[in-house]
Amino acid sequence: MHSWWKSVIQVEKTIQGRPLSGRITTAVMAHTGMNSRYMRAIRLVILEPIEDPDQRRKLRADFYLKEASPPQQMFCSSYDPKDIGLKTEETYVSQTENPRTYCFELN
């Protein structure tokens, strides 16, 4: 059974939409709440304003938390990972630099 959970997010930068700053309160529907360590680690969130004042009051939040991106670590090298024996699912190649840069995640 899913329930509404409240979380507080510290905004560092707004990429798109109305500029936000400081701490904001969000509501997310999930089967369990998100632990505080995870919430402090996220780097990108997608928010939707709660337009209905009654719903805002009920949830005690101003935004729905639509998605939260966990931290990812990507490595970049001038060597193609295949050439040095690394197995990656995807490799992103920057062709604008000389030498080329290969960026990838390790599983």
PDB file of N, CA and C in Angstrom:
ATOM      1  N   MET A   1       0.838  -1.178   0.000  1.00  0.00           N
ATOM      2  CA  MET A   1       0.000   0.000   0.000  1.00  0.00           C
ATOM      3  C   MET A   1       0.888   1.248   0.000  1.00  0.00           C
ATOM      4  N   HIS A   2       0.603   2.160  -0.887  1.00  0.00           N
ATOM      5  CA  HIS A   2       1.371   3.397  -0.977  1.00  0.00           C
ATOM      6  C   HIS A   2       0.759   4.462  -0.074  1.00  0.00           C
ATOM      7  N   SER A   3       1.620   5.272   0.510  1.00  0.00           N
ATOM      8  CA  SER A   3       1.206   6.377   1.359  1.00  0.00           C
ATOM      9  C   SER A   3       1.967   7.622   0.952  1.00  0.00           C
ATOM     10  N   TRP A   4       1.474   8.781   1.390  1.00  0.00           N
ATOM     11  CA  TRP A   4       2.190  10.031   1.157  1.00  0.00           C
ATOM     12  C   TRP A   4       3.257  10.198   2.217  1.00  0.00           C
ATOM     13  N   TRP A   5       4.474  10.519   1.789  1.00  0.00           N
ATOM     14  CA  TRP A   5       5.595  10.778   2.689  1.00  0.00           C
ATOM     15  C   TRP A   5       6.074  12.197   2.425  1.00  0.00           C
ATOM     16  N   LYS A   6       6.505  12.839   3.470  1.00  0.00           N
ATOM     17  CA  LYS A   6       6.995  14.205   3.362  1.00  0.00           C
ATOM     18  C   LYS A   6       8.518  14.182   3.442  1.00  0.00           C
ATOM     19  N   SER A   7       9.172  14.999   2.626  1.00  0.00           N
ATOM     20  CA  SER A   7      10.626  15.122   2.727  1.00  0.00           C
ATOM     21  C   SER A   7      11.007  16.582   2.514  1.00  0.00           C
ATOM     22  N   VAL A   8      12.078  16.975   3.164  1.00  0.00           N
ATOM     23  CA  VAL A   8      12.592  18.338   3.047  1.00  0.00           C
ATOM     24  C   VAL A   8      13.859  18.275   2.212  1.00  0.00           C
ATOM     25  N   ILE A   9      13.943  19.143   1.212  1.00  0.00           N
ATOM     26  CA  ILE A   9      15.079  19.166   0.292  1.00  0.00           C
ATOM     27  C   ILE A   9      15.748  20.528   0.371  1.00  0.00           C
ATOM     28  N   GLN A  10      17.069  20.522   0.424  1.00  0.00           N
ATOM     29  CA  GLN A  10      17.850  21.763   0.384  1.00  0.00           C
ATOM     30  C   GLN A  10      18.164  22.062  -1.076  1.00  0.00           C
ATOM     31  N   VAL A  11      17.634  23.162  -1.589  1.00  0.00           N
ATOM     32  CA  VAL A  11      17.834  23.535  -2.990  1.00  0.00           C
ATOM     33  C   VAL A  11      19.143  24.306  -3.111  1.00  0.00           C
ATOM     34  N   GLU A  12      19.999  23.843  -4.007  1.00  0.00           N
ATOM     35  CA  GLU A  12      21.258  24.542  -4.264  1.00  0.00           C
ATOM     36  C   GLU A  12      21.200  25.341  -5.555  1.00  0.00           C
ATOM     37  N   LYS A  13      20.429  24.825  -6.538  1.00  0.00           N
ATOM     38  CA  LYS A  13      20.365  25.489  -7.830  1.00  0.00           C
ATOM     39  C   LYS A  13      19.090  25.057  -8.548  1.00  0.00           C
ATOM     40  N   THR A  14      18.414  26.011  -9.173  1.00  0.00           N
ATOM     41  CA  THR A  14      17.248  25.714  -9.998  1.00  0.00           C
ATOM     42  C   THR A  14      17.707  25.710 -11.455  1.00  0.00           C
ATOM     43  N   ILE A  15      17.445  24.605 -12.155  1.00  0.00           N
ATOM     44  CA  ILE A  15      17.866  24.481 -13.547  1.00  0.00           C
ATOM     45  C   ILE A  15      16.780  24.972 -14.486  1.00  0.00           C
ATOM     46  N   GLN A  16      15.521  24.689 -14.169  1.00  0.00           N
ATOM     47  CA  GLN A  16      14.392  25.026 -15.034  1.00  0.00           C
ATOM     48  C   GLN A  16      13.213  25.396 -14.147  1.00  0.00           C
ATOM     49  N   GLY A  17      12.405  26.345 -14.594  1.00  0.00           N
ATOM     50  CA  GLY A  17      11.211  26.710 -13.849  1.00  0.00           C
ATOM     51  C   GLY A  17      11.455  27.869 -12.895  1.00  0.00           C
ATOM     52  N   ARG A  18      10.479  28.077 -12.025  1.00  0.00           N
ATOM     53  CA  ARG A  18      10.545  29.171 -11.051  1.00  0.00           C
ATOM     54  C   ARG A  18      11.742  28.958 -10.120  1.00  0.00           C
ATOM     55  N   PRO A  19      12.603  29.961  -9.971  1.00  0.00           N
ATOM     56  CA  PRO A  19      13.778  29.796  -9.096  1.00  0.00           C
ATOM     57  C   PRO A  19      13.363  29.499  -7.658  1.00  0.00           C
ATOM     58  N   LEU A  20      13.987  28.489  -7.081  1.00  0.00           N
ATOM     59  CA  LEU A  20      13.766  28.105  -5.688  1.00  0.00           C
ATOM     60  C   LEU A  20      15.081  28.221  -4.940  1.00  0.00           C
ATOM     61  N   SER A  21      14.989  28.447  -3.647  1.00  0.00           N
ATOM     62  CA  SER A  21      16.200  28.465  -2.830  1.00  0.00           C
ATOM     63  C   SER A  21      15.846  28.029  -1.423  1.00  0.00           C
ATOM     64  N   GLY A  22      16.862  27.643  -0.680  1.00  0.00           N
ATOM     65  CA  GLY A  22      16.649  27.218   0.705  1.00  0.00           C
ATOM     66  C   GLY A  22      16.029  25.843   0.797  1.00  0.00           C
ATOM     67  N   ARG A  23      15.320  25.620   1.879  1.00  0.00           N
ATOM     68  CA  ARG A  23      14.699  24.320   2.123  1.00  0.00           C
ATOM     69  C   ARG A  23      13.256  24.349   1.639  1.00  0.00           C
ATOM     70  N   ILE A  24      12.875  23.307   0.922  1.00  0.00           N
ATOM     71  CA  ILE A  24      11.487  23.186   0.470  1.00  0.00           C
ATOM     72  C   ILE A  24      10.934  21.853   0.955  1.00  0.00           C
ATOM     73  N   THR A  25       9.639  21.805   1.140  1.00  0.00           N
ATOM     74  CA  THR A  25       8.975  20.589   1.602  1.00  0.00           C
ATOM     75  C   THR A  25       8.253  19.964   0.425  1.00  0.00           C
ATOM     76  N   THR A  26       8.474  18.660   0.253  1.00  0.00           N
ATOM     77  CA  THR A  26       7.860  17.934  -0.851  1.00  0.00           C
ATOM     78  C   THR A  26       7.062  16.756  -0.310  1.00  0.00           C
ATOM     79  N   ALA A  27       6.138  16.270  -1.139  1.00  0.00           N
ATOM     80  CA  ALA A  27       5.358  15.078  -0.819  1.00  0.00           C
ATOM     81  C   ALA A  27       5.605  14.058  -1.922  1.00  0.00           C
ATOM     82  N   VAL A  28       5.783  12.806  -1.534  1.00  0.00           N
ATOM     83  CA  VAL A  28       6.003  11.744  -2.507  1.00  0.00           C
ATOM     84  C   VAL A  28       5.162  10.536  -2.099  1.00  0.00           C
ATOM     85  N   MET A  29       4.537   9.897  -3.085  1.00  0.00           N
ATOM     86  CA  MET A  29       3.775   8.696  -2.792  1.00  0.00           C
ATOM     87  C   MET A  29       4.691   7.493  -2.982  1.00  0.00           C
ATOM     88  N   ALA A  30       4.829   6.699  -1.928  1.00  0.00           N
ATOM     89  CA  ALA A  30       5.720   5.535  -1.975  1.00  0.00           C
ATOM     90  C   ALA A  30       5.255   4.522  -0.935  1.00  0.00           C
ATOM     91  N   HIS A  31       5.758   3.298  -1.062  1.00  0.00           N
ATOM     92  CA  HIS A  31       5.386   2.285  -0.073  1.00  0.00           C
ATOM     93  C   HIS A  31       6.192   2.429   1.214  1.00  0.00           C
ATOM     94  N   THR A  32       7.361   3.074   1.156  1.00  0.00           N
ATOM     95  CA  THR A  32       8.135   3.392   2.360  1.00  0.00           C
ATOM     96  C   THR A  32       8.739   4.781   2.182  1.00  0.00           C
ATOM     97  N   GLY A  33       9.062   5.413   3.273  1.00  0.00           N
ATOM     98  CA  GLY A  33       9.703   6.718   3.211  1.00  0.00           C
ATOM     99  C   GLY A  33      11.147   6.598   2.763  1.00  0.00           C
ATOM    100  N   MET A  34      11.711   7.692   2.284  1.00  0.00           N
ATOM    101  CA  MET A  34      13.115   7.704   1.874  1.00  0.00           C
ATOM    102  C   MET A  34      13.966   8.053   3.084  1.00  0.00           C
ATOM    103  N   ASN A  35      15.051   7.311   3.274  1.00  0.00           N
ATOM    104  CA  ASN A  35      15.858   7.607   4.447  1.00  0.00           C
ATOM    105  C   ASN A  35      16.634   8.909   4.262  1.00  0.00           C
ATOM    106  N   SER A  36      16.999   9.503   5.371  1.00  0.00           N
ATOM    107  CA  SER A  36      17.617  10.833   5.334  1.00  0.00           C
ATOM    108  C   SER A  36      18.974  10.820   4.632  1.00  0.00           C
ATOM    109  N   ARG A  37      19.730   9.745   4.736  1.00  0.00           N
ATOM    110  CA  ARG A  37      21.029   9.670   4.056  1.00  0.00           C
ATOM    111  C   ARG A  37      20.844   9.744   2.542  1.00  0.00           C
ATOM    112  N   TYR A  38      19.851   9.003   2.042  1.00  0.00           N
ATOM    113  CA  TYR A  38      19.559   9.027   0.607  1.00  0.00           C
ATOM    114  C   TYR A  38      19.131  10.430   0.186  1.00  0.00           C
ATOM    115  N   MET A  39      18.242  11.055   0.945  1.00  0.00           N
ATOM    116  CA  MET A  39      17.747  12.379   0.584  1.00  0.00           C
ATOM    117  C   MET A  39      18.864  13.421   0.596  1.00  0.00           C
ATOM    118  N   ARG A  40      19.818  13.302   1.498  1.00  0.00           N
ATOM    119  CA  ARG A  40      20.941  14.248   1.511  1.00  0.00           C
ATOM    120  C   ARG A  40      21.871  14.021   0.326  1.00  0.00           C
ATOM    121  N   ALA A  41      21.881  12.814  -0.221  1.00  0.00           N
ATOM    122  CA  ALA A  41      22.810  12.469  -1.306  1.00  0.00           C
ATOM    123  C   ALA A  41      22.275  12.812  -2.691  1.00  0.00           C
ATOM    124  N   ILE A  42      20.963  12.933  -2.848  1.00  0.00           N
ATOM    125  CA  ILE A  42      20.441  13.171  -4.193  1.00  0.00           C
ATOM    126  C   ILE A  42      20.921  14.503  -4.742  1.00  0.00           C
ATOM    127  N   ARG A  43      21.074  14.548  -6.047  1.00  0.00           N
ATOM    128  CA  ARG A  43      21.622  15.736  -6.700  1.00  0.00           C
ATOM    129  C   ARG A  43      20.663  16.375  -7.693  1.00  0.00           C
ATOM    130  N   LEU A  44      19.643  15.651  -8.137  1.00  0.00           N
ATOM    131  CA  LEU A  44      18.701  16.184  -9.111  1.00  0.00           C
ATOM    132  C   LEU A  44      17.309  15.718  -8.726  1.00  0.00           C
ATOM    133  N   VAL A  45      16.369  16.662  -8.631  1.00  0.00           N
ATOM    134  CA  VAL A  45      14.987  16.300  -8.351  1.00  0.00           C
ATOM    135  C   VAL A  45      14.083  16.948  -9.391  1.00  0.00           C
ATOM    136  N   ILE A  46      12.969  16.287  -9.650  1.00  0.00           N
ATOM    137  CA  ILE A  46      11.947  16.835 -10.520  1.00  0.00           C
ATOM    138  C   ILE A  46      10.731  17.076  -9.636  1.00  0.00           C
ATOM    139  N   LEU A  47      10.293  18.335  -9.601  1.00  0.00           N
ATOM    140  CA  LEU A  47       9.196  18.747  -8.733  1.00  0.00           C
ATOM    141  C   LEU A  47       8.003  19.201  -9.549  1.00  0.00           C
ATOM    142  N   GLU A  48       6.818  19.072  -8.952  1.00  0.00           N
ATOM    143  CA  GLU A  48       5.595  19.613  -9.546  1.00  0.00           C
ATOM    144  C   GLU A  48       4.890  20.399  -8.451  1.00  0.00           C
ATOM    145  N   PRO A  49       4.584  21.667  -8.701  1.00  0.00           N
ATOM    146  CA  PRO A  49       3.881  22.449  -7.676  1.00  0.00           C
ATOM    147  C   PRO A  49       2.524  21.823  -7.345  1.00  0.00           C
ATOM    148  N   ILE A  50       2.162  21.847  -6.079  1.00  0.00           N
ATOM    149  CA  ILE A  50       0.825  21.414  -5.662  1.00  0.00           C
ATOM    150  C   ILE A  50      -0.067  22.644  -5.773  1.00  0.00           C
ATOM    151  N   GLU A  51      -0.911  22.653  -6.788  1.00  0.00           N
ATOM    152  CA  GLU A  51      -1.735  23.827  -7.079  1.00  0.00           C
ATOM    153  C   GLU A  51      -2.903  23.974  -6.107  1.00  0.00           C
ATOM    154  N   ASP A  52      -3.510  22.876  -5.710  1.00  0.00           N
ATOM    155  CA  ASP A  52      -4.699  22.896  -4.864  1.00  0.00           C
ATOM    156  C   ASP A  52      -4.327  23.256  -3.421  1.00  0.00           C
ATOM    157  N   PRO A  53      -4.818  24.402  -2.900  1.00  0.00           N
ATOM    158  CA  PRO A  53      -4.478  24.815  -1.534  1.00  0.00           C
ATOM    159  C   PRO A  53      -4.894  23.796  -0.476  1.00  0.00           C
ATOM    160  N   ASP A  54      -6.034  23.119  -0.679  1.00  0.00           N
ATOM    161  CA  ASP A  54      -6.471  22.106   0.287  1.00  0.00           C
ATOM    162  C   ASP A  54      -5.494  20.925   0.320  1.00  0.00           C
ATOM    163  N   GLN A  55      -5.036  20.518  -0.852  1.00  0.00           N
ATOM    164  CA  GLN A  55      -4.070  19.410  -0.926  1.00  0.00           C
ATOM    165  C   GLN A  55      -2.734  19.823  -0.300  1.00  0.00           C
ATOM    166  N   ARG A  56      -2.302  21.064  -0.549  1.00  0.00           N
ATOM    167  CA  ARG A  56      -1.058  21.563   0.075  1.00  0.00           C
ATOM    168  C   ARG A  56      -1.178  21.520   1.592  1.00  0.00           C
ATOM    169  N   ARG A  57      -2.302  21.968   2.092  1.00  0.00           N
ATOM    170  CA  ARG A  57      -2.525  21.983   3.538  1.00  0.00           C
ATOM    171  C   ARG A  57      -2.568  20.549   4.091  1.00  0.00           C
ATOM    172  N   LYS A  58      -3.270  19.669   3.392  1.00  0.00           N
ATOM    173  CA  LYS A  58      -3.398  18.272   3.823  1.00  0.00           C
ATOM    174  C   LYS A  58      -2.037  17.579   3.873  1.00  0.00           C
ATOM    175  N   LEU A  59      -1.231  17.780   2.819  1.00  0.00           N
ATOM    176  CA  LEU A  59       0.079  17.114   2.740  1.00  0.00           C
ATOM    177  C   LEU A  59       1.172  17.880   3.478  1.00  0.00           C
ATOM    178  N   ARG A  60       0.890  19.143   3.838  1.00  0.00           N
ATOM    179  CA  ARG A  60       1.880  20.027   4.467  1.00  0.00           C
ATOM    180  C   ARG A  60       3.147  20.092   3.612  1.00  0.00           C
ATOM    181  N   ALA A  61       2.927  20.281   2.304  1.00  0.00           N
ATOM    182  CA  ALA A  61       4.029  20.362   1.337  1.00  0.00           C
ATOM    183  C   ALA A  61       3.610  21.292   0.208  1.00  0.00           C
ATOM    184  N   ASP A  62       4.582  21.884  -0.460  1.00  0.00           N
ATOM    185  CA  ASP A  62       4.315  22.793  -1.575  1.00  0.00           C
ATOM    186  C   ASP A  62       4.524  22.144  -2.939  1.00  0.00           C
ATOM    187  N   PHE A  63       5.232  21.021  -2.973  1.00  0.00           N
ATOM    188  CA  PHE A  63       5.571  20.365  -4.234  1.00  0.00           C
ATOM    189  C   PHE A  63       5.403  18.860  -4.107  1.00  0.00           C
ATOM    190  N   TYR A  64       5.046  18.228  -5.238  1.00  0.00           N
ATOM    191  CA  TYR A  64       5.145  16.778  -5.348  1.00  0.00           C
ATOM    192  C   TYR A  64       6.565  16.471  -5.793  1.00  0.00           C
ATOM    193  N   LEU A  65       7.188  15.494  -5.183  1.00  0.00           N
ATOM    194  CA  LEU A  65       8.503  15.023  -5.616  1.00  0.00           C
ATOM    195  C   LEU A  65       8.245  13.948  -6.665  1.00  0.00           C
ATOM    196  N   LYS A  66       8.436  14.307  -7.939  1.00  0.00           N
ATOM    197  CA  LYS A  66       8.136  13.388  -9.038  1.00  0.00           C
ATOM    198  C   LYS A  66       9.244  12.358  -9.238  1.00  0.00           C
ATOM    199  N   GLU A  67      10.487  12.802  -9.047  1.00  0.00           N
ATOM    200  CA  GLU A  67      11.627  11.892  -9.218  1.00  0.00           C
ATOM    201  C   GLU A  67      12.833  12.467  -8.503  1.00  0.00           C
ATOM    202  N   ALA A  68      13.655  11.572  -7.974  1.00  0.00           N
ATOM    203  CA  ALA A  68      14.904  11.969  -7.332  1.00  0.00           C
ATOM    204  C   ALA A  68      16.017  11.108  -7.913  1.00  0.00           C
ATOM    205  N   SER A  69      17.068  11.749  -8.371  1.00  0.00           N
ATOM    206  CA  SER A  69      18.170  11.026  -8.997  1.00  0.00           C
ATOM    207  C   SER A  69      19.249  10.735  -7.965  1.00  0.00           C
ATOM    208  N   PRO A  70      19.517   9.469  -7.736  1.00  0.00           N
ATOM    209  CA  PRO A  70      20.595   9.126  -6.804  1.00  0.00           C
ATOM    210  C   PRO A  70      21.946   9.507  -7.400  1.00  0.00           C
ATOM    211  N   PRO A  71      22.941   9.636  -6.553  1.00  0.00           N
ATOM    212  CA  PRO A  71      24.258   9.999  -7.068  1.00  0.00           C
ATOM    213  C   PRO A  71      24.808   8.900  -7.986  1.00  0.00           C
ATOM    214  N   GLN A  72      25.477   9.329  -9.015  1.00  0.00           N
ATOM    215  CA  GLN A  72      26.112   8.408  -9.957  1.00  0.00           C
ATOM    216  C   GLN A  72      27.585   8.785 -10.040  1.00  0.00           C
ATOM    217  N   GLN A  73      28.409   7.812 -10.286  1.00  0.00           N
ATOM    218  CA  GLN A  73      29.821   8.114 -10.459  1.00  0.00           C
ATOM    219  C   GLN A  73      30.246   7.650 -11.838  1.00  0.00           C
ATOM    220  N   MET A  74      30.817   8.579 -12.585  1.00  0.00           N
ATOM    221  CA  MET A  74      31.279   8.279 -13.922  1.00  0.00           C
ATOM    222  C   MET A  74      32.780   8.563 -13.970  1.00  0.00           C
ATOM    223  N   PHE A  75      33.499   7.685 -14.619  1.00  0.00           N
ATOM    224  CA  PHE A  75      34.939   7.847 -14.775  1.00  0.00           C
ATOM    225  C   PHE A  75      35.226   8.282 -16.202  1.00  0.00           C
ATOM    226  N   CYS A  76      36.215   9.126 -16.374  1.00  0.00           N
ATOM    227  CA  CYS A  76      36.592   9.578 -17.707  1.00  0.00           C
ATOM    228  C   CYS A  76      38.083   9.352 -17.910  1.00  0.00           C
ATOM    229  N   SER A  77      38.440   8.948 -19.122  1.00  0.00           N
ATOM    230  CA  SER A  77      39.832   8.635 -19.437  1.00  0.00           C
ATOM    231  C   SER A  77      40.071   8.894 -20.915  1.00  0.00           C
ATOM    232  N   SER A  78      41.324   9.091 -21.274  1.00  0.00           N
ATOM    233  CA  SER A  78      41.658   9.224 -22.693  1.00  0.00           C
ATOM    234  C   SER A  78      41.773   7.849 -23.348  1.00  0.00           C
ATOM    235  N   TYR A  79      41.682   6.775 -22.555  1.00  0.00           N
ATOM    236  CA  TYR A  79      41.731   5.410 -23.085  1.00  0.00           C
ATOM    237  C   TYR A  79      40.326   4.852 -23.226  1.00  0.00           C
ATOM    238  N   ASP A  80      40.061   4.151 -24.331  1.00  0.00           N
ATOM    239  CA  ASP A  80      38.800   3.449 -24.506  1.00  0.00           C
ATOM    240  C   ASP A  80      38.767   2.323 -23.477  1.00  0.00           C
ATOM    241  N   PRO A  81      37.709   2.214 -22.661  1.00  0.00           N
ATOM    242  CA  PRO A  81      37.685   1.187 -21.617  1.00  0.00           C
ATOM    243  C   PRO A  81      37.834  -0.236 -22.159  1.00  0.00           C
ATOM    244  N   LYS A  82      37.346  -0.506 -23.377  1.00  0.00           N
ATOM    245  CA  LYS A  82      37.513  -1.844 -23.963  1.00  0.00           C
ATOM    246  C   LYS A  82      38.986  -2.162 -24.175  1.00  0.00           C
ATOM    247  N   ASP A  83      39.769  -1.151 -24.553  1.00  0.00           N
ATOM    248  CA  ASP A  83      41.186  -1.370 -24.837  1.00  0.00           C
ATOM    249  C   ASP A  83      41.993  -1.695 -23.585  1.00  0.00           C
ATOM    250  N   ILE A  84      41.448  -1.353 -22.406  1.00  0.00           N
ATOM    251  CA  ILE A  84      42.184  -1.645 -21.174  1.00  0.00           C
ATOM    252  C   ILE A  84      41.479  -2.714 -20.335  1.00  0.00           C
ATOM    253  N   GLY A  85      40.545  -3.451 -20.980  1.00  0.00           N
ATOM    254  CA  GLY A  85      39.928  -4.614 -20.347  1.00  0.00           C
ATOM    255  C   GLY A  85      38.771  -4.325 -19.407  1.00  0.00           C
ATOM    256  N   LEU A  86      38.185  -3.137 -19.483  1.00  0.00           N
ATOM    257  CA  LEU A  86      37.050  -2.824 -18.619  1.00  0.00           C
ATOM    258  C   LEU A  86      35.743  -3.117 -19.341  1.00  0.00           C
ATOM    259  N   LYS A  87      34.790  -3.694 -18.614  1.00  0.00           N
ATOM    260  CA  LYS A  87      33.477  -3.984 -19.184  1.00  0.00           C
ATOM    261  C   LYS A  87      32.504  -2.918 -18.694  1.00  0.00           C
ATOM    262  N   THR A  88      31.924  -2.190 -19.639  1.00  0.00           N
ATOM    263  CA  THR A  88      30.948  -1.151 -19.310  1.00  0.00           C
ATOM    264  C   THR A  88      29.697  -1.381 -20.132  1.00  0.00           C
ATOM    265  N   GLU A  89      28.560  -0.940 -19.610  1.00  0.00           N
ATOM    266  CA  GLU A  89      27.319  -1.052 -20.389  1.00  0.00           C
ATOM    267  C   GLU A  89      27.281  -0.023 -21.493  1.00  0.00           C
ATOM    268  N   GLU A  90      27.637   1.223 -21.169  1.00  0.00           N
ATOM    269  CA  GLU A  90      27.666   2.294 -22.154  1.00  0.00           C
ATOM    270  C   GLU A  90      28.899   3.148 -21.938  1.00  0.00           C
ATOM    271  N   THR A  91      29.431   3.648 -23.032  1.00  0.00           N
ATOM    272  CA  THR A  91      30.558   4.570 -22.972  1.00  0.00           C
ATOM    273  C   THR A  91      30.179   5.810 -23.756  1.00  0.00           C
ATOM    274  N   TYR A  92      30.380   6.964 -23.140  1.00  0.00           N
ATOM    275  CA  TYR A  92      30.113   8.243 -23.794  1.00  0.00           C
ATOM    276  C   TYR A  92      31.439   8.796 -24.274  1.00  0.00           C
ATOM    277  N   VAL A  93      31.508   9.134 -25.548  1.00  0.00           N
ATOM    278  CA  VAL A  93      32.767   9.592 -26.141  1.00  0.00           C
ATOM    279  C   VAL A  93      32.640  11.057 -26.524  1.00  0.00           C
ATOM    280  N   SER A  94      33.562  11.864 -26.024  1.00  0.00           N
ATOM    281  CA  SER A  94      33.616  13.275 -26.403  1.00  0.00           C
ATOM    282  C   SER A  94      34.552  13.402 -27.590  1.00  0.00           C
ATOM    283  N   GLN A  95      33.997  13.779 -28.721  1.00  0.00           N
ATOM    284  CA  GLN A  95      34.796  13.903 -29.930  1.00  0.00           C
ATOM    285  C   GLN A  95      35.346  15.318 -30.085  1.00  0.00           C
ATOM    286  N   THR A  96      34.966  16.205 -29.156  1.00  0.00           N
ATOM    287  CA  THR A  96      35.379  17.604 -29.289  1.00  0.00           C
ATOM    288  C   THR A  96      36.749  17.861 -28.684  1.00  0.00           C
ATOM    289  N   GLU A  97      37.238  16.919 -27.928  1.00  0.00           N
ATOM    290  CA  GLU A  97      38.547  17.105 -27.297  1.00  0.00           C
ATOM    291  C   GLU A  97      39.594  16.283 -28.042  1.00  0.00           C
ATOM    292  N   ASN A  98      40.821  16.714 -27.939  1.00  0.00           N
ATOM    293  CA  ASN A  98      41.920  15.955 -28.527  1.00  0.00           C
ATOM    294  C   ASN A  98      42.943  15.730 -27.431  1.00  0.00           C
ATOM    295  N   PRO A  99      43.192  14.532 -26.961  1.00  0.00           N
ATOM    296  CA  PRO A  99      42.611  13.279 -27.453  1.00  0.00           C
ATOM    297  C   PRO A  99      41.160  13.133 -27.019  1.00  0.00           C
ATOM    298  N   ARG A 100      40.494  12.149 -27.618  1.00  0.00           N
ATOM    299  CA  ARG A 100      39.113  11.847 -27.253  1.00  0.00           C
ATOM    300  C   ARG A 100      39.033  11.523 -25.763  1.00  0.00           C
ATOM    301  N   THR A 101      37.861  11.805 -25.181  1.00  0.00           N
ATOM    302  CA  THR A 101      37.629  11.425 -23.793  1.00  0.00           C
ATOM    303  C   THR A 101      36.512  10.387 -23.759  1.00  0.00           C
ATOM    304  N   TYR A 102      36.732   9.293 -23.030  1.00  0.00           N
ATOM    305  CA  TYR A 102      35.762   8.215 -22.869  1.00  0.00           C
ATOM    306  C   TYR A 102      35.258   8.268 -21.442  1.00  0.00           C
ATOM    307  N   CYS A 103      33.952   8.415 -21.262  1.00  0.00           N
ATOM    308  CA  CYS A 103      33.358   8.447 -19.938  1.00  0.00           C
ATOM    309  C   CYS A 103      32.420   7.245 -19.781  1.00  0.00           C
ATOM    310  N   PHE A 104      32.469   6.625 -18.601  1.00  0.00           N
ATOM    311  CA  PHE A 104      31.720   5.387 -18.393  1.00  0.00           C
ATOM    312  C   PHE A 104      31.512   5.143 -16.907  1.00  0.00           C
ATOM    313  N   GLU A 105      30.538   4.274 -16.606  1.00  0.00           N
ATOM    314  CA  GLU A 105      30.300   3.812 -15.251  1.00  0.00           C
ATOM    315  C   GLU A 105      30.801   2.383 -15.156  1.00  0.00           C
ATOM    316  N   LEU A 106      31.293   2.032 -13.982  1.00  0.00           N
ATOM    317  CA  LEU A 106      31.698   0.648 -13.743  1.00  0.00           C
ATOM    318  C   LEU A 106      30.632  -0.025 -12.902  1.00  0.00           C
ATOM    319  N   ASN A 107      30.269  -1.243 -13.267  1.00  0.00           N
ATOM    320  CA  ASN A 107      29.247  -1.984 -12.513  1.00  0.00           C
ATOM    321  C   ASN A 107      29.878  -2.809 -11.428  1.00  0.00           C
TER     322      ASN A 107
END
